C-alpha atoms as a PDB file:
ATOM      1  CA  UNK A   1     -74.191-242.054 -50.172  1.00  0.00           C
ATOM      2  CA  UNK A   2     -72.826-244.901 -49.660  1.00  0.00           C
ATOM      3  CA  UNK A   3     -73.764-245.760 -54.299  1.00  0.00           C
ATOM      4  CA  UNK A   4     -72.313-241.973 -54.674  1.00  0.00           C
ATOM      5  CA  UNK A   5     -69.503-243.280 -53.627  1.00  0.00           C
ATOM      6  CA  UNK A   6     -69.246-246.701 -55.148  1.00  0.00           C
ATOM      7  CA  UNK A   7     -70.509-244.665 -58.884  1.00  0.00           C
ATOM      8  CA  UNK A   8     -67.034-242.422 -58.042  1.00  0.00           C
ATOM      9  CA  UNK A   9     -64.528-245.074 -57.101  1.00  0.00           C
ATOM     10  CA  UNK A  10     -65.508-247.231 -60.452  1.00  0.00           C
ATOM     11  CA  UNK A  11     -65.268-243.678 -62.261  1.00  0.00           C
ATOM     12  CA  UNK A  12     -61.739-243.147 -61.402  1.00  0.00           C
ATOM     13  CA  UNK A  13     -60.888-247.292 -61.980  1.00  0.00           C
ATOM     14  CA  UNK A  14     -61.973-246.237 -65.523  1.00  0.00           C
ATOM     15  CA  UNK A  15     -60.502-243.119 -65.690  1.00  0.00           C
ATOM     16  CA  UNK A  16     -57.281-244.704 -64.309  1.00  0.00           C
ATOM     17  CA  UNK A  17     -58.154-247.734 -67.385  1.00  0.00           C
ATOM     18  CA  UNK A  18     -57.882-244.769 -69.993  1.00  0.00           C
ATOM     19  CA  UNK A  19     -55.227-243.029 -68.673  1.00  0.00           C
ATOM     20  CA  UNK A  20     -53.000-246.614 -69.363  1.00  0.00           C
ATOM     21  CA  UNK A  21     -54.261-247.619 -72.254  1.00  0.00           C
ATOM     22  CA  UNK A  22     -53.095-244.640 -73.821  1.00  0.00           C
ATOM     23  CA  UNK A  23     -49.705-244.873 -71.920  1.00  0.00           C
ATOM     24  CA  UNK A  24     -48.850-248.332 -73.765  1.00  0.00           C
ATOM     25  CA  UNK A  25     -51.202-247.373 -77.379  1.00  0.00           C
ATOM     26  CA  UNK A  26     -47.926-244.799 -76.960  1.00  0.00           C
ATOM     27  CA  UNK A  27     -45.267-246.978 -75.923  1.00  0.00           C
ATOM     28  CA  UNK A  28     -46.846-249.071 -78.935  1.00  0.00           C
ATOM     29  CA  UNK A  29     -47.173-246.465 -81.413  1.00  0.00           C
ATOM     30  CA  UNK A  30     -42.969-245.886 -80.881  1.00  0.00           C
ATOM     31  CA  UNK A  31     -41.905-249.596 -80.885  1.00  0.00           C
ATOM     32  CA  UNK A  32     -44.096-250.006 -84.668  1.00  0.00           C
ATOM     33  CA  UNK A  33     -41.967-246.813 -85.271  1.00  0.00           C
ATOM     34  CA  UNK A  34     -38.730-247.486 -84.435  1.00  0.00           C
ATOM     35  CA  UNK A  35     -40.036-251.103 -86.723  1.00  0.00           C
ATOM     36  CA  UNK A  36     -41.022-249.725 -89.749  1.00  0.00           C
ATOM     37  CA  UNK A  37     -37.338-247.292 -89.330  1.00  0.00           C
ATOM     38  CA  UNK A  38     -35.424-250.935 -89.204  1.00  0.00           C
ATOM     39  CA  UNK A  39     -37.660-252.337 -92.139  1.00  0.00           C
ATOM     40  CA  UNK A  40     -37.254-248.815 -93.770  1.00  0.00           C
ATOM     41  CA  UNK A  41     -33.294-249.029 -94.307  1.00  0.00           C
ATOM     42  CA  UNK A  42     -32.494-252.646 -95.413  1.00  0.00           C
ATOM     43  CA  UNK A  43     -35.376-251.818 -97.652  1.00  0.00           C
ATOM     44  CA  UNK A  44     -33.031-249.606 -98.619  1.00  0.00           C
ATOM     45  CA  UNK A  45     -30.389-251.862 -98.744  1.00  0.00           C
ATOM     46  CA  UNK A  46     -31.433-253.824-100.621  1.00  0.00           C
ATOM     47  CA  UNK A  47     -32.128-251.685-103.342  1.00  0.00           C
ATOM     48  CA  UNK A  48     -28.606-250.628-103.516  1.00  0.00           C
ATOM     49  CA  UNK A  49     -27.854-254.618-103.496  1.00  0.00           C
ATOM     50  CA  UNK A  50     -30.115-254.768-106.604  1.00  0.00           C
ATOM     51  CA  UNK A  51     -28.953-252.572-108.269  1.00  0.00           C
ATOM     52  CA  UNK A  52     -25.027-253.746-108.362  1.00  0.00           C
ATOM     53  CA  UNK A  53     -25.951-256.809-109.010  1.00  0.00           C
ATOM     54  CA  UNK A  54     -28.120-255.993-112.006  1.00  0.00           C
ATOM     55  CA  UNK A  55     -25.037-253.785-113.223  1.00  0.00           C
ATOM     56  CA  UNK A  56     -22.764-256.497-112.554  1.00  0.00           C
ATOM     57  CA  UNK A  57     -25.300-259.255-114.162  1.00  0.00           C
ATOM     58  CA  UNK A  58     -24.937-256.828-117.688  1.00  0.00           C
ATOM     59  CA  UNK A  59     -21.333-256.389-116.994  1.00  0.00           C
ATOM     60  CA  UNK A  60     -21.460-260.637-117.169  1.00  0.00           C
ATOM     61  CA  UNK A  61     -23.661-260.602-119.812  1.00  0.00           C
ATOM     62  CA  UNK A  62     -22.387-258.014-122.089  1.00  0.00           C
ATOM     63  CA  UNK A  63     -21.148-259.198-126.383  1.00  0.00           C
ATOM     64  CA  UNK A  64     -18.615-257.919-125.448  1.00  0.00           C
ATOM     65  CA  UNK A  65     -17.649-260.433-122.926  1.00  0.00           C
ATOM     66  CA  UNK A  66     -19.226-263.453-124.580  1.00  0.00           C
ATOM     67  CA  UNK A  67     -17.488-263.165-127.588  1.00  0.00           C
ATOM     68  CA  UNK A  68     -14.502-263.048-126.034  1.00  0.00           C
ATOM     69  CA  UNK A  69     -14.279-265.937-124.773  1.00  0.00           C
ATOM     70  CA  UNK A  70     -16.364-268.319-127.249  1.00  0.00           C
ATOM     71  CA  UNK A  71     -12.863-267.473-128.491  1.00  0.00           C
ATOM     72  CA  UNK A  72     -10.722-268.205-125.615  1.00  0.00           C
ATOM     73  CA  UNK A  73     -12.197-270.645-123.676  1.00  0.00           C
ATOM     74  CA  UNK A  74     -13.676-272.488-127.122  1.00  0.00           C
ATOM     75  CA  UNK A  75     -11.346-271.418-129.774  1.00  0.00           C
ATOM     76  CA  UNK A  76     -14.638-270.071-131.815  1.00  0.00           C
ATOM     77  CA  UNK A  77     -14.483-267.984-135.022  1.00  0.00           C
ATOM     78  CA  UNK A  78     -16.099-265.738-137.140  1.00  0.00           C
ATOM     79  CA  UNK A  79     -16.888-267.265-140.542  1.00  0.00           C
ATOM     80  CA  UNK A  80     -14.873-265.549-143.438  1.00  0.00           C
ATOM     81  CA  UNK A  81     -17.656-264.323-146.534  1.00  0.00           C
ATOM     82  CA  UNK A  82     -16.754-267.168-148.607  1.00  0.00           C
ATOM     83  CA  UNK A  83     -17.051-270.334-145.715  1.00  0.00           C
ATOM     84  CA  UNK A  84     -20.983-269.622-145.213  1.00  0.00           C
ATOM     85  CA  UNK A  85     -23.203-270.987-147.342  1.00  0.00           C
ATOM     86  CA  UNK A  86     -27.104-270.166-147.032  1.00  0.00           C
ATOM     87  CA  UNK A  87     -29.651-273.286-147.558  1.00  0.00           C
ATOM     88  CA  UNK A  88     -32.566-271.879-148.835  1.00  0.00           C
ATOM     89  CA  UNK A  89     -36.015-274.281-147.987  1.00  0.00           C
END
């Protein structure tokens, strides 16, 4: 009988340990799921910011803006047709 009670105690401890591991894994799963949600939200915000930066870059690098800056800051102008010289090799 003594051996049966030791076996029952051992099996009870195994069941209790198994229950604790299920609770811990469930907690860890929820914690990681919350972290995943936060990371996905941060990813979405970075994607929006990236889109804004691409739009701003295309605005700053537009041909009309560069042409306007060349005229106003560098006093460059489009040469007239008679002042263009073609050099052939």
